[in-house]
Amino acid sequence: MEHPKKERTFVIIKPDGVQRSLIGEITSRFERVGYKLCAAKLVLPTEDQCWKHYNKDDAWFLKKGTAIVEAKKAKGLPIEKEAIEYGKDIIRGAV
């Protein structure tokens, strides 16, 4: 009989993690602490799925975008759009 408190955890590796070839390292870390991988699936999300997943309001995107603008300013790079648009690029860049 299975233990009644057996749990499963859903893990998402974001596109930048896949691009940086971190899938093996991430799964290895789970296995080293005794977790077992029971399934894996590579999915290319649509933009709509990304918007639903993040489910954030404009204030969140503005905060993230403002941090990006400040980082660009510090590096002397041009600011080409409003801070909120840089924040929303988090979603657009994931697709």
Protein backbone atom coordinates (compact mmCIF):
# COMPACT_ATOMS: atom_id res chain seq x y z
CA MET A 1 0.00 0.00 0.00
CA GLU A 2 1.26 3.48 -0.88
CA HIS A 3 2.03 5.98 1.81
CA PRO A 4 -1.08 8.20 2.25
CA LYS A 5 1.00 11.38 2.23
CA LYS A 6 2.82 10.68 -1.02
CA GLU A 7 2.99 13.93 -2.93
CA ARG A 8 3.82 15.02 -6.44
CA THR A 9 5.31 18.33 -7.47
CA PHE A 10 4.93 20.07 -10.80
CA VAL A 11 8.14 21.75 -12.00
CA ILE A 12 8.45 24.16 -14.90
CA ILE A 13 11.81 24.96 -16.44
CA LYS A 14 11.44 28.31 -18.13
CA PRO A 15 12.60 28.84 -21.73
CA ASP A 16 15.84 30.52 -20.68
CA GLY A 17 16.70 27.44 -18.59
CA VAL A 18 16.06 25.18 -21.58
CA GLN A 19 18.08 27.50 -23.84
CA ARG A 20 20.98 27.42 -21.36
CA SER A 21 20.89 23.57 -21.35
CA LEU A 22 20.00 23.33 -17.65
CA ILE A 23 17.38 20.56 -17.87
CA GLY A 24 19.83 17.80 -16.92
CA GLU A 25 21.34 19.79 -14.05
CA ILE A 26 17.93 20.65 -12.63
CA THR A 27 16.63 17.08 -12.77
CA SER A 28 19.92 15.81 -11.29
CA ARG A 29 19.49 18.08 -8.28
CA PHE A 30 16.07 16.59 -7.58
CA GLU A 31 17.40 13.05 -7.97
CA ARG A 32 20.38 13.73 -5.65
CA VAL A 33 18.02 14.54 -2.78
CA GLY A 34 15.97 11.40 -3.37
CA TYR A 35 13.10 12.60 -5.54
CA LYS A 36 12.04 10.46 -8.47
CA LEU A 37 11.10 11.83 -11.87
CA CYS A 38 7.78 10.23 -12.81
CA ALA A 39 7.09 12.13 -16.06
CA ALA A 40 8.56 14.78 -18.33
CA LYS A 41 7.06 16.74 -21.16
CA LEU A 42 8.54 19.47 -23.36
CA VAL A 43 5.87 22.02 -24.26
CA LEU A 44 6.19 25.16 -26.34
CA PRO A 45 3.62 27.48 -24.76
CA THR A 46 1.43 29.83 -26.72
CA GLU A 47 1.39 33.50 -25.78
CA ASP A 48 -2.12 33.02 -24.36
CA GLN A 49 -0.90 30.19 -22.10
CA CYS A 50 1.96 32.41 -20.86
CA TRP A 51 -0.44 35.26 -20.01
CA LYS A 52 -2.65 32.83 -18.08
CA HIS A 53 0.35 31.33 -16.27
CA TYR A 54 1.81 34.66 -15.14
CA ASN A 55 -1.63 36.15 -14.36
CA LYS A 56 -0.10 39.45 -13.16
CA ASP A 57 -1.51 42.95 -13.14
CA ASP A 58 0.03 45.99 -14.83
CA ALA A 59 1.70 47.09 -11.58
CA TRP A 60 3.79 43.89 -11.58
CA PHE A 61 4.86 44.36 -15.20
CA LEU A 62 5.65 48.02 -14.50
CA LYS A 63 7.84 47.06 -11.54
CA LYS A 64 9.76 44.48 -13.59
CA GLY A 65 10.03 46.87 -16.54
CA THR A 66 11.30 49.69 -14.33
CA ALA A 67 14.11 47.42 -13.12
CA ILE A 68 15.01 46.67 -16.74
CA VAL A 69 15.00 50.39 -17.63
CA GLU A 70 17.26 51.18 -14.66
CA ALA A 71 19.67 48.41 -15.67
CA LYS A 72 19.76 49.72 -19.25
CA LYS A 73 20.42 53.27 -18.01
CA ALA A 74 23.25 52.04 -15.78
CA LYS A 75 24.87 50.40 -18.82
CA GLY A 76 24.36 53.49 -20.97
CA LEU A 77 21.96 51.68 -23.30
CA PRO A 78 19.08 53.48 -25.03
CA ILE A 79 15.57 53.25 -23.59
CA GLU A 80 13.38 52.42 -26.57
CA LYS A 81 9.96 51.96 -24.96
CA GLU A 82 7.93 52.45 -21.79
CA ALA A 83 8.89 50.46 -18.69
CA ILE A 84 5.63 48.49 -18.70
CA GLU A 85 6.36 47.27 -22.24
CA TYR A 86 9.76 45.95 -21.12
CA GLY A 87 7.92 44.15 -18.32
CA LYS A 88 5.43 42.60 -20.73
CA ASP A 89 8.34 41.44 -22.89
CA ILE A 90 8.86 38.82 -20.16
CA ILE A 91 5.79 37.08 -21.61
CA ARG A 92 6.50 37.87 -25.24
CA GLY A 93 10.06 36.57 -24.95
CA ALA A 94 8.88 33.27 -23.50
CA VAL A 95 7.04 32.32 -26.68
